């Protein structure tokens, strides 16, 4: 069972993709979208959210794209998920359930579980995720930015 929203999952994937492929040039939205079989416009707003959160840096121009704003080891999956969720403290659902059981028992327990989940994600760095991708041989299978020494 996957607990993360699609947006949060894509945010983690996008950040790890940038960490793996932004050397020496930034990763373009087009390159990233091609690697993950997504339309580029689908990623753009998410990438901008990550820039505003200080996780990625955006560079404009024909050779522009995205690179990490901090070191891999200083970005946690929890940071990325929080950024993808925005500044909202709840799920954004304006409907309320008028139930003492929900408000006094279920919501507080779900909140505790959510915090525990985010704390677990805080222990997972982008460096850890990149190491796992490299261990699986995934960094070479996608390479569109070749770096050759002659």
Protein backbone atom coordinates (compact mmCIF):
# COMPACT_ATOMS: atom_id res chain seq x y z
CA UNK A 1 0.00 0.00 0.00
CA UNK A 2 1.46 3.36 -1.06
CA UNK A 3 0.60 6.18 1.31
CA UNK A 4 2.07 9.05 -0.72
CA UNK A 5 0.01 11.08 -3.14
CA UNK A 6 0.93 10.96 -6.83
CA UNK A 7 2.19 14.55 -6.58
CA UNK A 8 4.48 13.70 -3.64
CA UNK A 9 5.77 10.59 -5.41
CA UNK A 10 6.53 12.61 -8.56
CA UNK A 11 8.28 15.27 -6.47
CA UNK A 12 10.62 12.66 -5.01
CA UNK A 13 11.23 11.13 -8.45
CA UNK A 14 11.91 14.56 -9.98
CA UNK A 15 14.38 15.50 -7.24
CA UNK A 16 16.26 12.21 -7.49
CA UNK A 17 16.29 12.52 -11.30
CA UNK A 18 17.85 15.97 -11.00
CA UNK A 19 20.39 14.64 -8.49
CA UNK A 20 21.39 11.84 -10.85
CA UNK A 21 21.48 13.74 -14.14
CA UNK A 22 22.25 17.41 -13.47
CA UNK A 23 25.99 17.07 -13.90
CA UNK A 24 27.49 18.88 -15.71
CA UNK A 25 24.40 20.60 -17.18
CA UNK A 26 21.04 21.25 -15.56
CA UNK A 27 18.23 18.79 -16.31
CA UNK A 28 15.58 20.11 -18.67
CA UNK A 29 11.92 19.42 -18.06
CA UNK A 30 11.78 17.81 -21.50
CA UNK A 31 14.59 15.34 -20.66
CA UNK A 32 13.04 14.45 -17.32
CA UNK A 33 9.58 14.01 -18.80
CA UNK A 34 10.96 11.70 -21.50
CA UNK A 35 12.71 9.51 -18.91
CA UNK A 36 9.50 9.11 -16.91
CA UNK A 37 7.00 9.01 -19.79
CA UNK A 38 5.20 12.20 -18.73
CA UNK A 39 4.19 15.32 -20.64
CA UNK A 40 6.62 18.18 -19.75
CA UNK A 41 3.77 20.50 -18.76
CA UNK A 42 2.78 17.93 -16.13
CA UNK A 43 6.09 18.44 -14.29
CA UNK A 44 6.60 22.18 -14.66
CA UNK A 45 4.39 23.40 -11.79
CA UNK A 46 5.76 20.71 -9.50
CA UNK A 47 9.35 21.67 -10.34
CA UNK A 48 8.56 25.33 -9.65
CA UNK A 49 7.13 24.32 -6.26
CA UNK A 50 10.42 22.57 -5.48
CA UNK A 51 12.36 25.69 -6.55
CA UNK A 52 10.27 27.88 -4.23
CA UNK A 53 10.94 25.41 -1.39
CA UNK A 54 14.72 25.69 -1.92
CA UNK A 55 15.13 22.08 -3.01
CA UNK A 56 15.90 22.78 -6.67
CA UNK A 57 17.43 25.72 -8.54
CA UNK A 58 15.93 26.72 -11.87
CA UNK A 59 18.03 28.17 -14.69
CA UNK A 60 16.42 29.88 -17.65
CA UNK A 61 17.56 29.88 -21.23
CA UNK A 62 18.21 27.40 -24.01
CA UNK A 63 20.65 25.44 -21.85
CA UNK A 64 18.58 25.93 -18.72
CA UNK A 65 16.90 23.42 -16.51
CA UNK A 66 17.07 22.31 -12.91
CA UNK A 67 19.82 21.38 -10.47
CA UNK A 68 19.86 20.74 -6.75
CA UNK A 69 19.82 23.80 -4.50
CA UNK A 70 21.53 21.88 -1.68
CA UNK A 71 23.76 18.84 -1.33
CA UNK A 72 22.08 15.46 -1.86
CA UNK A 73 22.66 14.45 1.74
CA UNK A 74 20.98 17.63 3.01
CA UNK A 75 17.65 17.02 1.27
CA UNK A 76 15.33 14.46 2.82
CA UNK A 77 12.34 12.74 1.28
CA UNK A 78 10.35 14.41 4.08
CA UNK A 79 11.48 17.85 2.86
CA UNK A 80 10.33 17.00 -0.65
CA UNK A 81 6.94 15.65 0.46
CA UNK A 82 6.28 18.70 2.65
CA UNK A 83 7.14 20.97 -0.30
CA UNK A 84 4.86 19.03 -2.64
CA UNK A 85 1.99 19.34 -0.18
CA UNK A 86 2.45 23.09 0.02
CA UNK A 87 1.83 25.09 3.15
CA UNK A 88 -1.46 23.43 3.97
CA UNK A 89 -1.62 21.69 7.32
CA UNK A 90 -4.51 19.46 6.33
CA UNK A 91 -5.63 17.68 3.19
CA UNK A 92 -7.38 20.78 1.83
CA UNK A 93 -10.82 19.22 2.14
CA UNK A 94 -13.15 21.95 3.34
CA UNK A 95 -15.88 19.49 4.24
CA UNK A 96 -16.08 18.65 7.91
CA UNK A 97 -17.53 15.64 9.60
CA UNK A 98 -19.63 16.54 12.60
CA UNK A 99 -18.64 13.63 14.80
CA UNK A 100 -17.01 13.60 18.20
CA UNK A 101 -15.40 10.23 17.36
CA UNK A 102 -13.82 11.66 14.21
CA UNK A 103 -12.73 14.95 15.78
CA UNK A 104 -11.50 13.64 19.13
CA UNK A 105 -10.14 10.20 18.24
CA UNK A 106 -9.63 9.50 14.54
CA UNK A 107 -8.20 12.84 13.38
CA UNK A 108 -5.65 13.10 16.22
CA UNK A 109 -4.52 9.49 15.67
CA UNK A 110 -4.18 10.00 11.91
CA UNK A 111 -2.23 13.18 12.60
CA UNK A 112 0.19 11.22 14.84
CA UNK A 113 0.61 8.54 12.19
CA UNK A 114 1.23 11.19 9.51
CA UNK A 115 3.90 12.83 11.65
CA UNK A 116 5.57 9.46 12.25
CA UNK A 117 5.53 8.78 8.50
CA UNK A 118 7.11 12.16 7.73
CA UNK A 119 9.74 11.57 10.42
CA UNK A 120 10.61 8.27 8.76
CA UNK A 121 10.91 10.08 5.40
CA UNK A 122 13.17 12.65 7.08
CA UNK A 123 15.66 9.82 7.69
CA UNK A 124 15.85 9.09 3.94
CA UNK A 125 18.10 11.49 2.02
CA UNK A 126 18.31 12.09 -1.70
CA UNK A 127 21.83 10.67 -1.38
CA UNK A 128 20.32 7.40 -0.09
CA UNK A 129 17.83 7.29 -2.96
CA UNK A 130 20.54 8.02 -5.53
CA UNK A 131 22.73 5.27 -4.09
CA UNK A 132 19.82 2.84 -4.40
CA UNK A 133 19.20 3.93 -8.02
CA UNK A 134 22.89 3.53 -8.84
CA UNK A 135 22.93 0.13 -7.14
CA UNK A 136 20.03 -0.90 -9.38
CA UNK A 137 21.89 0.42 -12.45
CA UNK A 138 19.22 3.02 -13.17
CA UNK A 139 21.44 6.06 -13.58
CA UNK A 140 23.05 4.67 -16.74
CA UNK A 141 19.90 3.31 -18.31
CA UNK A 142 18.38 6.76 -18.75
CA UNK A 143 21.47 8.82 -19.59
CA UNK A 144 20.70 11.55 -22.08
CA UNK A 145 23.57 13.80 -20.90
CA UNK A 146 26.69 11.89 -21.86
CA UNK A 147 29.94 12.96 -20.24
CA UNK A 148 32.97 11.74 -22.14
CA UNK A 149 36.67 12.12 -21.44
CA UNK A 150 38.98 11.75 -24.42
